[in-house]
Amino acid sequence: MKRTLAIGDIHGGLKALKQLLERLQLTKDDELIFMGDYVDGWSESAQVIQYIIELSKTNDCVFIKGNHDVWCEQWLRTGDINGVWFNHGGKETIESYATFSEADKKQHLYFFEDMDLYHIDAQNRLFLHAGFTSMHGVEREVHKENFYFDRTLWEMALTMDKRIEKHSELYPNRLKHYHEIYIGHTPTINFNQDQPMNAINVWNVDTGAAFTGKLSALDLETKTVFQSDAVMSFYPEETGRNSKTYNELKTN
């Protein structure tokens, strides 16, 4: 039976991605919707990109573009290093490309360029990395950067009074356009949650893989959650985007 699965931010954690796909017992009939931020964090960013390119040859895949992917794309295109990017995982991503040829890098650039900023499926479910601000929906968004930087959509959903009915004038117009909205970008571990979170009709599947969390997949129909082990446990001598390594945290 075909499943559609949303997969959270990977951030260079290839070992965790492989374990996750094994745990959800992936078949060629399954559709995968990746929520962005494939790179920047653990040491296998370039390898993650290569792996999902190959994965797209056996499975239907949708690749959403995240803010870290935008930075990496810019570097692959121009060679210019964004300072903010370099200090938030870009350094590790550049190092991961050390053994990749110029032809490989060009293939990855094309892959980044082809990524979607958002995806709407036949069930009117919206998928995007971060959020959007237009009350008229994503098609009317003026600043496209919001698709991979905005956090106000998630903040609004989290803090919204659950007693407000959908037909009420107080119900946010942003939430009315879509049956469900799936995002990444804001780790749920920021809210002391290690699993995907739901607020109103918004689902956040970024469970902090870049930091101390796990990599997660969510079955859209059943809402079954699949997870890897803590991603940092696969890279015990690396800090990722933390201040300490897994081994250092274990000994403290």
Protein backbone atom coordinates (compact mmCIF):
# COMPACT_ATOMS: atom_id res chain seq x y z
CA MET A 1 0.00 0.00 0.00
CA LYS A 2 1.44 3.33 -1.05
CA ARG A 3 2.41 5.73 1.71
CA THR A 4 3.28 9.40 1.54
CA LEU A 5 5.89 10.37 4.10
CA ALA A 6 7.17 13.81 5.10
CA ILE A 7 10.82 13.78 6.19
CA GLY A 8 12.33 16.47 8.38
CA ASP A 9 15.55 18.46 8.11
CA ILE A 10 18.55 16.12 7.60
CA HIS A 11 21.48 18.54 7.98
CA GLY A 12 24.20 16.24 6.66
CA GLY A 13 23.21 13.22 8.75
CA LEU A 14 23.36 10.52 6.07
CA LYS A 15 23.77 7.65 8.54
CA ALA A 16 20.59 8.71 10.33
CA LEU A 17 18.70 9.01 7.03
CA LYS A 18 19.68 5.48 6.04
CA GLN A 19 18.58 4.14 9.42
CA LEU A 20 15.28 6.03 9.19
CA LEU A 21 14.47 4.61 5.75
CA GLU A 22 15.32 1.15 7.01
CA ARG A 23 13.05 1.54 10.04
CA LEU A 24 10.09 2.69 8.00
CA GLN A 25 10.67 -0.28 5.67
CA LEU A 26 10.67 1.86 2.55
CA THR A 27 9.23 0.30 -0.60
CA LYS A 28 9.38 1.59 -4.17
CA ASP A 29 5.66 2.47 -3.90
CA ASP A 30 6.24 5.02 -1.14
CA GLU A 31 6.32 8.74 -1.94
CA LEU A 32 8.80 10.86 0.02
CA ILE A 33 8.43 14.58 0.60
CA PHE A 34 11.61 16.11 1.98
CA MET A 35 11.10 19.33 3.91
CA GLY A 36 14.49 20.91 3.12
CA ASP A 37 17.81 21.64 4.84
CA TYR A 38 19.66 18.58 3.55
CA VAL A 39 23.04 20.16 4.30
CA ASP A 40 24.95 22.02 7.04
CA GLY A 41 25.59 20.31 10.33
CA TRP A 42 27.09 16.82 10.27
CA SER A 43 29.95 15.79 8.03
CA GLU A 44 28.06 14.11 5.16
CA SER A 45 26.16 16.93 3.47
CA ALA A 46 27.47 16.31 -0.05
CA GLN A 47 26.91 12.59 0.49
CA VAL A 48 23.29 13.24 1.53
CA ILE A 49 22.66 15.11 -1.72
CA GLN A 50 24.21 12.31 -3.77
CA TYR A 51 22.16 9.72 -1.88
CA ILE A 52 18.79 11.43 -2.37
CA ILE A 53 19.53 12.04 -6.05
CA GLU A 54 19.90 8.28 -6.40
CA LEU A 55 16.84 7.69 -4.21
CA SER A 56 14.72 9.78 -6.57
CA LYS A 57 15.42 7.22 -9.30
CA THR A 58 13.60 4.47 -7.36
CA ASN A 59 10.92 6.45 -5.49
CA ASP A 60 8.62 9.37 -6.17
CA CYS A 61 10.27 12.23 -4.29
CA VAL A 62 9.45 15.88 -3.72
CA PHE A 63 12.39 18.03 -2.65
CA ILE A 64 11.56 21.28 -0.87
CA LYS A 65 14.31 23.91 -0.66
CA GLY A 66 15.42 25.15 2.76
CA ASN A 67 17.46 28.20 3.74
CA HIS A 68 20.64 26.15 4.17
CA ASP A 69 20.12 24.71 0.70
CA VAL A 70 19.83 28.23 -0.72
CA TRP A 71 23.21 29.12 0.82
CA CYS A 72 24.84 25.94 -0.44
CA GLU A 73 23.40 26.50 -3.92
CA GLN A 74 24.86 30.00 -3.99
CA TRP A 75 28.29 28.64 -3.04
CA LEU A 76 28.16 25.91 -5.68
CA ARG A 77 27.20 28.49 -8.31
CA THR A 78 29.67 31.27 -7.50
CA GLY A 79 32.23 29.95 -5.02
CA ASP A 80 31.36 32.86 -2.71
CA ILE A 81 31.08 31.93 0.96
CA ASN A 82 28.27 33.55 2.94
CA GLY A 83 29.64 34.33 6.40
CA VAL A 84 26.43 33.44 8.23
CA TRP A 85 26.25 30.17 6.32
CA PHE A 86 29.90 29.32 7.02
CA ASN A 87 29.35 29.69 10.77
CA HIS A 88 26.09 27.71 10.80
CA GLY A 89 27.18 24.49 9.13
CA GLY A 90 28.60 25.79 5.86
CA LYS A 91 32.17 25.01 6.87
CA GLU A 92 31.33 21.33 7.33
CA THR A 93 29.43 21.26 4.05
CA ILE A 94 32.36 22.72 2.12
CA GLU A 95 34.65 20.09 3.69
CA SER A 96 32.21 17.31 2.70
CA TYR A 97 32.71 18.25 -0.98
CA ALA A 98 36.49 17.73 -0.82
CA THR A 99 36.38 14.43 -2.71
CA PHE A 100 33.67 15.46 -5.20
CA SER A 101 34.60 16.38 -8.76
CA GLU A 102 33.57 19.58 -10.50
CA ALA A 103 31.11 17.51 -12.53
CA ASP A 104 29.58 16.18 -9.31
CA LYS A 105 29.28 19.69 -7.92
CA LYS A 106 27.58 20.86 -11.10
CA GLN A 107 25.10 18.00 -10.87
CA HIS A 108 24.33 19.00 -7.28
CA LEU A 109 23.91 22.63 -8.30
CA TYR A 110 21.31 21.65 -10.89
CA PHE A 111 19.60 19.53 -8.25
CA PHE A 112 19.36 22.48 -5.85
CA GLU A 113 18.11 24.75 -8.63
CA ASP A 114 15.31 22.31 -9.44
CA MET A 115 14.00 22.10 -5.87
CA ASP A 116 10.51 23.37 -5.11
CA LEU A 117 9.93 26.31 -2.78
CA TYR A 118 6.57 24.74 -1.94
CA HIS A 119 4.38 21.85 -3.04
CA ILE A 120 0.61 21.43 -2.96
CA ASP A 121 -0.72 17.91 -3.47
CA ALA A 122 -4.06 16.58 -4.73
CA GLN A 123 -5.45 16.57 -1.18
CA ASN A 124 -4.73 20.30 -0.83
CA ARG A 125 -1.89 19.69 1.58
CA LEU A 126 0.84 22.34 1.51
CA PHE A 127 4.52 21.49 2.02
CA LEU A 128 7.21 24.13 2.50
CA HIS A 129 10.34 24.54 4.55
CA ALA A 130 9.43 27.40 6.87
CA GLY A 131 6.22 29.35 6.27
CA PHE A 132 4.53 32.18 4.41
CA THR A 133 2.94 35.48 5.37
CA SER A 134 0.32 36.30 2.73
CA MET A 135 -3.26 35.98 3.95
CA HIS A 136 -4.11 34.99 0.36
CA GLY A 137 -1.87 31.89 0.29
CA VAL A 138 1.51 30.95 -1.11
CA GLU A 139 0.72 31.97 -4.68
CA ARG A 140 0.39 35.57 -3.52
CA GLU A 141 3.51 35.65 -1.34
CA VAL A 142 5.51 38.78 -2.23
CA HIS A 143 8.80 37.84 -0.57
CA LYS A 144 9.76 34.32 -1.66
CA GLU A 145 12.43 34.18 1.06
CA ASN A 146 9.61 33.67 3.55
CA PHE A 147 9.14 30.15 2.19
CA TYR A 148 12.46 29.16 3.73
CA PHE A 149 12.93 31.73 6.54
CA ASP A 150 9.51 32.59 8.03
CA ARG A 151 8.71 31.40 11.55
CA THR A 152 5.54 33.43 12.12
CA LEU A 153 3.26 30.76 10.61
CA TRP A 154 4.40 28.21 13.18
CA GLU A 155 4.31 30.75 16.03
CA MET A 156 0.75 31.71 15.08
CA ALA A 157 -0.40 28.10 14.97
CA LEU A 158 1.25 27.33 18.32
CA THR A 159 -0.29 30.26 20.15
CA MET A 160 -3.72 30.28 18.51
CA ASP A 161 -6.75 29.88 20.77
CA LYS A 162 -8.05 26.40 19.93
CA ARG A 163 -11.64 27.47 20.67
CA ILE A 164 -11.80 29.68 17.56
CA GLU A 165 -13.93 27.98 14.89
CA LYS A 166 -12.74 27.89 11.29
CA HIS A 167 -15.71 29.98 10.07
CA SER A 168 -14.96 32.72 12.62
CA GLU A 169 -13.64 36.10 11.47
CA LEU A 170 -10.90 35.63 14.05
CA TYR A 171 -9.58 32.46 12.40
CA PRO A 172 -6.33 33.27 10.53
CA ASN A 173 -6.83 33.40 6.77
CA ARG A 174 -3.41 31.84 6.24
CA LEU A 175 -4.64 28.58 7.75
CA LYS A 176 -7.91 28.45 5.80
CA HIS A 177 -6.40 27.84 2.37
CA TYR A 178 -5.01 24.35 2.94
CA HIS A 179 -6.28 21.11 4.43
CA GLU A 180 -2.94 20.60 6.19
CA ILE A 181 0.41 22.41 6.18
CA TYR A 182 3.73 20.63 6.67
CA ILE A 183 6.92 22.48 7.61
CA GLY A 184 10.45 22.01 8.96
CA HIS A 185 12.92 24.78 9.86
CA THR A 186 12.06 25.26 13.57
CA PRO A 187 13.27 22.29 15.65
CA THR A 188 10.61 20.83 17.93
CA ILE A 189 13.32 20.25 20.56
CA ASN A 190 13.13 24.03 21.09
CA PHE A 191 9.76 23.24 22.69
CA ASN A 192 11.02 20.20 24.63
CA GLN A 193 9.41 17.83 22.12
CA ASP A 194 11.44 15.11 20.39
CA GLN A 195 8.69 14.14 17.92
CA PRO A 196 6.84 16.02 15.16
CA MET A 197 4.38 18.55 16.56
CA ASN A 198 0.87 19.49 15.46
CA ALA A 199 -0.75 22.88 16.06
CA ILE A 200 -4.15 23.59 14.41
CA ASN A 201 -3.60 22.20 10.87
CA VAL A 202 0.19 22.75 10.82
CA TRP A 203 2.61 19.86 11.28
CA ASN A 204 6.28 20.51 12.10
CA VAL A 205 8.55 17.54 11.29
CA ASP A 206 11.93 19.12 12.11
CA THR A 207 12.90 17.28 15.28
CA GLY A 208 16.35 18.81 15.68
CA ALA A 209 18.59 16.48 13.67
CA ALA A 210 21.20 19.24 13.36
CA PHE A 211 21.48 19.47 17.12
CA THR A 212 20.66 16.82 19.75
CA GLY A 213 17.47 15.47 18.17
CA LYS A 214 16.46 12.62 15.88
CA LEU A 215 15.57 12.54 12.19
CA SER A 216 11.84 11.96 11.70
CA ALA A 217 9.38 10.84 9.06
CA LEU A 218 5.61 11.24 9.32
CA ASP A 219 3.06 9.10 7.49
CA LEU A 220 0.56 11.69 6.25
CA GLU A 221 -2.47 9.40 6.38
CA THR A 222 -1.99 7.57 9.67
CA LYS A 223 0.24 10.19 11.37
CA THR A 224 2.56 7.36 12.37
CA VAL A 225 6.00 8.68 13.32
CA PHE A 226 9.25 6.95 12.38
CA GLN A 227 12.57 8.09 13.84
CA SER A 228 16.28 7.45 13.73
CA ASP A 229 18.43 7.36 16.82
CA ALA A 230 19.76 10.73 17.97
CA VAL A 231 21.67 11.93 14.91
CA MET A 232 24.65 13.10 16.94
CA SER A 233 25.21 9.51 18.14
CA PHE A 234 26.24 8.59 14.57
CA TYR A 235 28.93 11.29 14.63
CA PRO A 236 30.24 11.04 18.23
CA GLU A 237 33.39 13.12 17.68
CA GLU A 238 31.64 15.95 15.83
CA THR A 239 29.78 18.89 17.32
CA GLY A 240 27.36 19.35 14.42
CA ARG A 241 25.69 22.62 15.35
CA ASN A 242 26.08 21.95 19.08
CA SER A 243 28.78 23.26 21.40
CA LYS A 244 29.85 19.76 22.51
CA THR A 245 30.23 16.36 20.88
CA TYR A 246 28.10 13.34 21.71
CA ASN A 247 31.04 11.76 23.54
CA GLU A 248 31.60 14.91 25.58
CA LEU A 249 27.94 15.06 26.59
CA LYS A 250 28.00 11.37 27.57
CA THR A 251 30.94 11.86 29.94
CA ASN A 252 29.46 14.96 31.66
